[in-house]
Structure formats: C-alpha cells, structure tokens
Amino acid sequence: MDDFDLDLDHLDFDAAAENNAAKLAAADAAAAAAEALPDEDDCAGGACKI
C-alpha cells in the first residue's frame, strides 16, 4: 500500500489559510467599496425607477 501513502509534510497549511483569509478580506473590501458608489443612472438592481 505504499502507492497510497501521502506525504503532506511539504505542504504549508497555515500559510495557505492566511493567504485565503487575506483574499477574502480584500474581496469584502472591494464589495463594500462598490456598494458605496452612487447609482449613476437612477437604476437599482437593474430595474429602472419610473
């Protein structure tokens, strides 16, 4: 069963978790910045105000 033994010692799970957290924080910040922009065409969510 040596073919199925996995050596995971070379993987850095802590760094991957930190990297993922940083990407999620950046995505949250970008989403918050996009929500702060005013509607230029008076349309909200694709439905124009009449």
N, C-alpha and C. Protein backbone atom coordinates (compact mmCIF):
# COMPACT_ATOMS: atom_id res chain seq x y z
N MET A 1 0.81 -1.19 0.00
CA MET A 1 0.00 0.00 0.00
C MET A 1 0.86 1.26 0.00
N ASP A 2 2.09 1.16 -0.34
CA ASP A 2 2.96 2.33 -0.40
C ASP A 2 2.50 3.32 -1.47
N ASP A 3 1.78 2.85 -2.47
CA ASP A 3 1.31 3.74 -3.52
C ASP A 3 0.30 4.76 -3.00
N PHE A 4 -0.37 4.43 -1.90
CA PHE A 4 -1.42 5.29 -1.39
C PHE A 4 -0.99 6.12 -0.18
N ASP A 5 0.25 5.99 0.24
CA ASP A 5 0.75 6.80 1.34
C ASP A 5 1.01 8.22 0.84
N LEU A 6 0.42 9.19 1.50
CA LEU A 6 0.59 10.58 1.09
C LEU A 6 1.53 11.28 2.06
N ASP A 7 2.48 11.98 1.50
CA ASP A 7 3.42 12.76 2.30
C ASP A 7 2.99 14.22 2.24
N LEU A 8 2.35 14.69 3.31
CA LEU A 8 1.85 16.05 3.34
C LEU A 8 2.76 16.99 4.12
N ASP A 9 3.94 16.53 4.48
CA ASP A 9 4.85 17.34 5.29
C ASP A 9 5.35 18.57 4.54
N HIS A 10 5.39 18.51 3.21
CA HIS A 10 5.92 19.64 2.45
C HIS A 10 4.87 20.73 2.23
N LEU A 11 3.63 20.49 2.59
CA LEU A 11 2.57 21.48 2.39
C LEU A 11 2.48 22.41 3.61
N ASP A 12 2.26 23.68 3.35
CA ASP A 12 2.18 24.68 4.42
C ASP A 12 0.72 25.14 4.54
N PHE A 13 -0.03 24.43 5.39
CA PHE A 13 -1.45 24.72 5.53
C PHE A 13 -1.70 26.05 6.24
N ASP A 14 -0.85 26.43 7.16
CA ASP A 14 -1.02 27.70 7.87
C ASP A 14 -0.89 28.89 6.92
N ALA A 15 0.11 28.85 6.05
CA ALA A 15 0.30 29.93 5.09
C ALA A 15 -0.86 29.98 4.10
N ALA A 16 -1.35 28.82 3.71
CA ALA A 16 -2.48 28.78 2.79
C ALA A 16 -3.73 29.38 3.43
N ALA A 17 -3.95 29.10 4.70
CA ALA A 17 -5.11 29.65 5.42
C ALA A 17 -4.99 31.17 5.54
N GLU A 18 -3.79 31.65 5.83
CA GLU A 18 -3.57 33.10 5.94
C GLU A 18 -3.77 33.77 4.58
N ASN A 19 -3.28 33.14 3.54
CA ASN A 19 -3.43 33.67 2.18
C ASN A 19 -4.91 33.75 1.81
N ASN A 20 -5.66 32.71 2.14
CA ASN A 20 -7.09 32.68 1.84
C ASN A 20 -7.83 33.77 2.62
N ALA A 21 -7.47 33.94 3.87
CA ALA A 21 -8.11 34.97 4.69
C ALA A 21 -7.83 36.36 4.12
N ALA A 22 -6.62 36.59 3.65
CA ALA A 22 -6.27 37.88 3.05
C ALA A 22 -7.07 38.12 1.78
N LYS A 23 -7.24 37.09 0.96
CA LYS A 23 -8.02 37.22 -0.28
C LYS A 23 -9.48 37.51 0.04
N LEU A 24 -10.03 36.85 1.06
CA LEU A 24 -11.43 37.09 1.44
C LEU A 24 -11.61 38.51 1.97
N ALA A 25 -10.65 38.99 2.75
CA ALA A 25 -10.73 40.35 3.27
C ALA A 25 -10.67 41.37 2.13
N ALA A 26 -9.82 41.12 1.16
CA ALA A 26 -9.71 42.03 0.01
C ALA A 26 -11.01 42.02 -0.79
N ALA A 27 -11.61 40.86 -0.96
CA ALA A 27 -12.88 40.77 -1.69
C ALA A 27 -13.99 41.48 -0.94
N ASP A 28 -14.02 41.35 0.38
CA ASP A 28 -15.02 42.05 1.19
C ASP A 28 -14.84 43.56 1.08
N ALA A 29 -13.59 44.03 1.10
CA ALA A 29 -13.33 45.46 0.99
C ALA A 29 -13.75 45.98 -0.38
N ALA A 30 -13.50 45.21 -1.43
CA ALA A 30 -13.88 45.62 -2.78
C ALA A 30 -15.40 45.67 -2.91
N ALA A 31 -16.08 44.70 -2.30
CA ALA A 31 -17.54 44.69 -2.35
C ALA A 31 -18.12 45.88 -1.59
N ALA A 32 -17.55 46.21 -0.46
CA ALA A 32 -18.03 47.35 0.32
C ALA A 32 -17.79 48.66 -0.44
N ALA A 33 -16.67 48.75 -1.12
CA ALA A 33 -16.38 49.96 -1.90
C ALA A 33 -17.34 50.08 -3.08
N ALA A 34 -17.69 48.97 -3.70
CA ALA A 34 -18.62 49.00 -4.83
C ALA A 34 -20.02 49.40 -4.38
N GLU A 35 -20.42 48.98 -3.19
CA GLU A 35 -21.74 49.32 -2.68
C GLU A 35 -21.82 50.79 -2.31
N ALA A 36 -20.70 51.42 -2.01
CA ALA A 36 -20.69 52.82 -1.61
C ALA A 36 -20.85 53.76 -2.79
N LEU A 37 -20.68 53.24 -4.02
CA LEU A 37 -20.79 54.09 -5.20
C LEU A 37 -22.26 54.44 -5.46
N PRO A 38 -22.54 55.67 -5.84
CA PRO A 38 -23.93 56.04 -6.14
C PRO A 38 -24.38 55.47 -7.47
N ASP A 39 -25.67 55.27 -7.61
CA ASP A 39 -26.21 54.83 -8.90
C ASP A 39 -26.18 56.01 -9.85
N GLU A 40 -25.49 55.83 -10.97
CA GLU A 40 -25.34 56.93 -11.91
C GLU A 40 -26.58 57.10 -12.78
N ASP A 41 -27.31 56.03 -13.00
CA ASP A 41 -28.44 56.10 -13.93
C ASP A 41 -29.78 55.95 -13.23
N ASP A 42 -29.82 56.16 -11.93
CA ASP A 42 -31.04 56.04 -11.13
C ASP A 42 -31.68 54.67 -11.26
N CYS A 43 -30.91 53.66 -11.53
CA CYS A 43 -31.42 52.30 -11.60
C CYS A 43 -30.82 51.50 -10.44
N ALA A 44 -31.64 50.72 -9.79
CA ALA A 44 -31.16 49.91 -8.68
C ALA A 44 -31.41 48.43 -9.00
N GLY A 45 -30.36 47.66 -9.01
CA GLY A 45 -30.51 46.23 -9.26
C GLY A 45 -31.01 45.90 -10.65
N GLY A 46 -30.79 46.78 -11.60
CA GLY A 46 -31.19 46.52 -12.97
C GLY A 46 -32.61 46.96 -13.28
N ALA A 47 -33.39 47.33 -12.27
CA ALA A 47 -34.77 47.78 -12.50
C ALA A 47 -34.79 49.31 -12.40
N CYS A 48 -35.05 49.97 -13.50
CA CYS A 48 -35.03 51.44 -13.51
C CYS A 48 -36.23 51.99 -12.75
N LYS A 49 -35.97 53.08 -12.05
CA LYS A 49 -37.03 53.75 -11.30
C LYS A 49 -37.86 54.58 -12.27
N ILE A 50 -39.14 54.39 -12.20
CA ILE A 50 -40.03 55.12 -13.11
C ILE A 50 -40.86 56.10 -12.32
